[in-house]
Each structure stands twice: as structure tokens, then as C-alpha cells.
């Protein structure tokens, strides 16, 4: 019973926990999906690598849009995360 929507939702929730942990400066728990995440570079400072790549290539609007889609963040929060990248 592998439902891709369940896994996607779980990944989004894990990302939100990572962001909250970073903002509150508390240790983030390790999730089952974290295996190999840091080694593969899937996240950089809690931000998905795809978002970082878009921002650094000068496509900040697409980076903000993708960040919002992946995390459920509002426009202001997404802009605050993407702008310094």
C-alpha cells in the first residue's frame, strides 16, 4: 500500500519540522528519510537543493514558488528564505 501522496505529505511535514527547528535553534530530530540526505546534498541549511539551485542561478521567483509548493510556506516566509541564497 504505497501511496505517493502520503510520502510527499510526510516529506513536507519533515521539511517544516526542519525549518522550525532551525528557526528556534533547537536540535532537529532525525527522520527515516534523512538517510543519505546530507551526504547527497538534498538539503542545504534546511532548504531543498532544487530551491537553492534555482535561487543561485538567478531564478528567485521560481525558487520561491517551488519552496512554497514543497513546504506550504506563505509568500513572505518563502521570500525570506530564498532572498539570502
C-alpha atoms as a PDB file:
ATOM      1  CA  UNK A   1       0.000   0.000   0.000  1.00  0.00           C
ATOM      2  CA  UNK A   2       2.470   2.615  -1.211  1.00  0.00           C
ATOM      3  CA  UNK A   3       0.604   5.869  -1.641  1.00  0.00           C
ATOM      4  CA  UNK A   4       2.891   8.537  -3.177  1.00  0.00           C
ATOM      5  CA  UNK A   5       0.716  11.315  -1.747  1.00  0.00           C
ATOM      6  CA  UNK A   6       1.308  10.038   1.784  1.00  0.00           C
ATOM      7  CA  UNK A   7       5.081  10.028   1.250  1.00  0.00           C
ATOM      8  CA  UNK A   8       5.001  13.501  -0.300  1.00  0.00           C
ATOM      9  CA  UNK A   9       2.954  14.850   2.609  1.00  0.00           C
ATOM     10  CA  UNK A  10       5.297  13.213   5.095  1.00  0.00           C
ATOM     11  CA  UNK A  11       8.305  14.781   3.352  1.00  0.00           C
ATOM     12  CA  UNK A  12       6.633  18.205   3.511  1.00  0.00           C
ATOM     13  CA  UNK A  13       5.939  17.796   7.229  1.00  0.00           C
ATOM     14  CA  UNK A  14       9.522  16.721   7.864  1.00  0.00           C
ATOM     15  CA  UNK A  15      10.766  19.789   5.976  1.00  0.00           C
ATOM     16  CA  UNK A  16       8.562  22.047   8.087  1.00  0.00           C
ATOM     17  CA  UNK A  17       9.932  20.480  11.284  1.00  0.00           C
ATOM     18  CA  UNK A  18      13.473  21.081   9.996  1.00  0.00           C
ATOM     19  CA  UNK A  19      12.694  24.738   9.290  1.00  0.00           C
ATOM     20  CA  UNK A  20      11.064  25.253  12.675  1.00  0.00           C
ATOM     21  CA  UNK A  21      13.987  23.587  14.432  1.00  0.00           C
ATOM     22  CA  UNK A  22      16.421  25.825  12.583  1.00  0.00           C
ATOM     23  CA  UNK A  23      14.462  28.991  13.340  1.00  0.00           C
ATOM     24  CA  UNK A  24      14.024  28.093  17.010  1.00  0.00           C
ATOM     25  CA  UNK A  25      17.645  26.946  17.221  1.00  0.00           C
ATOM     26  CA  UNK A  26      16.741  23.580  18.690  1.00  0.00           C
ATOM     27  CA  UNK A  27      18.085  20.212  17.537  1.00  0.00           C
ATOM     28  CA  UNK A  28      16.102  18.667  14.731  1.00  0.00           C
ATOM     29  CA  UNK A  29      15.125  15.026  15.095  1.00  0.00           C
ATOM     30  CA  UNK A  30      16.486  12.556  12.592  1.00  0.00           C
ATOM     31  CA  UNK A  31      13.833  11.188  10.260  1.00  0.00           C
ATOM     32  CA  UNK A  32      13.840   7.881   8.428  1.00  0.00           C
ATOM     33  CA  UNK A  33      14.005   9.769   5.148  1.00  0.00           C
ATOM     34  CA  UNK A  34      17.199  11.534   6.303  1.00  0.00           C
ATOM     35  CA  UNK A  35      19.352   8.546   5.438  1.00  0.00           C
ATOM     36  CA  UNK A  36      21.821   9.922   2.921  1.00  0.00           C
ATOM     37  CA  UNK A  37      20.222  13.362   2.778  1.00  0.00           C
ATOM     38  CA  UNK A  38      23.221  15.319   3.974  1.00  0.00           C
ATOM     39  CA  UNK A  39      25.660  13.140   2.042  1.00  0.00           C
ATOM     40  CA  UNK A  40      23.759  13.602  -1.191  1.00  0.00           C
ATOM     41  CA  UNK A  41      23.236  17.323  -0.664  1.00  0.00           C
ATOM     42  CA  UNK A  42      19.452  17.072  -0.922  1.00  0.00           C
ATOM     43  CA  UNK A  43      19.145  19.869   1.630  1.00  0.00           C
ATOM     44  CA  UNK A  44      21.329  22.866   2.330  1.00  0.00           C
ATOM     45  CA  UNK A  45      20.638  24.557   5.656  1.00  0.00           C
ATOM     46  CA  UNK A  46      17.176  23.017   5.640  1.00  0.00           C
ATOM     47  CA  UNK A  47      16.364  24.270   2.134  1.00  0.00           C
ATOM     48  CA  UNK A  48      15.803  21.757  -0.679  1.00  0.00           C
ATOM     49  CA  UNK A  49      18.717  21.680  -3.145  1.00  0.00           C
ATOM     50  CA  UNK A  50      16.352  22.368  -6.065  1.00  0.00           C
ATOM     51  CA  UNK A  51      15.309  25.643  -4.451  1.00  0.00           C
ATOM     52  CA  UNK A  52      18.914  26.611  -3.722  1.00  0.00           C
ATOM     53  CA  UNK A  53      19.895  25.853  -7.310  1.00  0.00           C
ATOM     54  CA  UNK A  54      17.108  27.973  -8.759  1.00  0.00           C
ATOM     55  CA  UNK A  55      17.907  30.894  -6.464  1.00  0.00           C
ATOM     56  CA  UNK A  56      21.624  30.793  -7.206  1.00  0.00           C
ATOM     57  CA  UNK A  57      21.014  30.622 -10.939  1.00  0.00           C
ATOM     58  CA  UNK A  58      19.125  33.914 -10.708  1.00  0.00           C
ATOM     59  CA  UNK A  59      15.618  32.456 -10.914  1.00  0.00           C
ATOM     60  CA  UNK A  60      14.382  33.592  -7.498  1.00  0.00           C
ATOM     61  CA  UNK A  61      10.712  33.721  -8.489  1.00  0.00           C
ATOM     62  CA  UNK A  62      10.766  30.048  -9.489  1.00  0.00           C
ATOM     63  CA  UNK A  63      12.725  29.247  -6.302  1.00  0.00           C
ATOM     64  CA  UNK A  64      10.117  30.989  -4.143  1.00  0.00           C
ATOM     65  CA  UNK A  65       7.298  29.239  -5.965  1.00  0.00           C
ATOM     66  CA  UNK A  66       8.938  25.818  -5.555  1.00  0.00           C
ATOM     67  CA  UNK A  67       9.738  26.452  -1.895  1.00  0.00           C
ATOM     68  CA  UNK A  68       6.112  27.362  -1.231  1.00  0.00           C
ATOM     69  CA  UNK A  69       4.935  24.253  -3.067  1.00  0.00           C
ATOM     70  CA  UNK A  70       7.291  21.963  -1.150  1.00  0.00           C
ATOM     71  CA  UNK A  71       6.766  23.431   2.309  1.00  0.00           C
ATOM     72  CA  UNK A  72       3.359  25.092   2.300  1.00  0.00           C
ATOM     73  CA  UNK A  73       5.033  28.343   3.381  1.00  0.00           C
ATOM     74  CA  UNK A  74       3.471  31.709   2.720  1.00  0.00           C
ATOM     75  CA  UNK A  75       4.878  34.150   0.199  1.00  0.00           C
ATOM     76  CA  UNK A  76       6.643  36.299   2.787  1.00  0.00           C
ATOM     77  CA  UNK A  77       8.292  33.336   4.533  1.00  0.00           C
ATOM     78  CA  UNK A  78       9.405  31.811   1.231  1.00  0.00           C
ATOM     79  CA  UNK A  79      10.877  35.137   0.101  1.00  0.00           C
ATOM     80  CA  UNK A  80      12.758  35.477   3.395  1.00  0.00           C
ATOM     81  CA  UNK A  81      14.271  32.012   2.917  1.00  0.00           C
ATOM     82  CA  UNK A  82      15.144  32.417  -0.768  1.00  0.00           C
ATOM     83  CA  UNK A  83      16.448  36.005  -0.834  1.00  0.00           C
ATOM     84  CA  UNK A  84      19.690  35.346   1.074  1.00  0.00           C
ATOM     85  CA  UNK A  85      20.589  32.276  -1.025  1.00  0.00           C
END
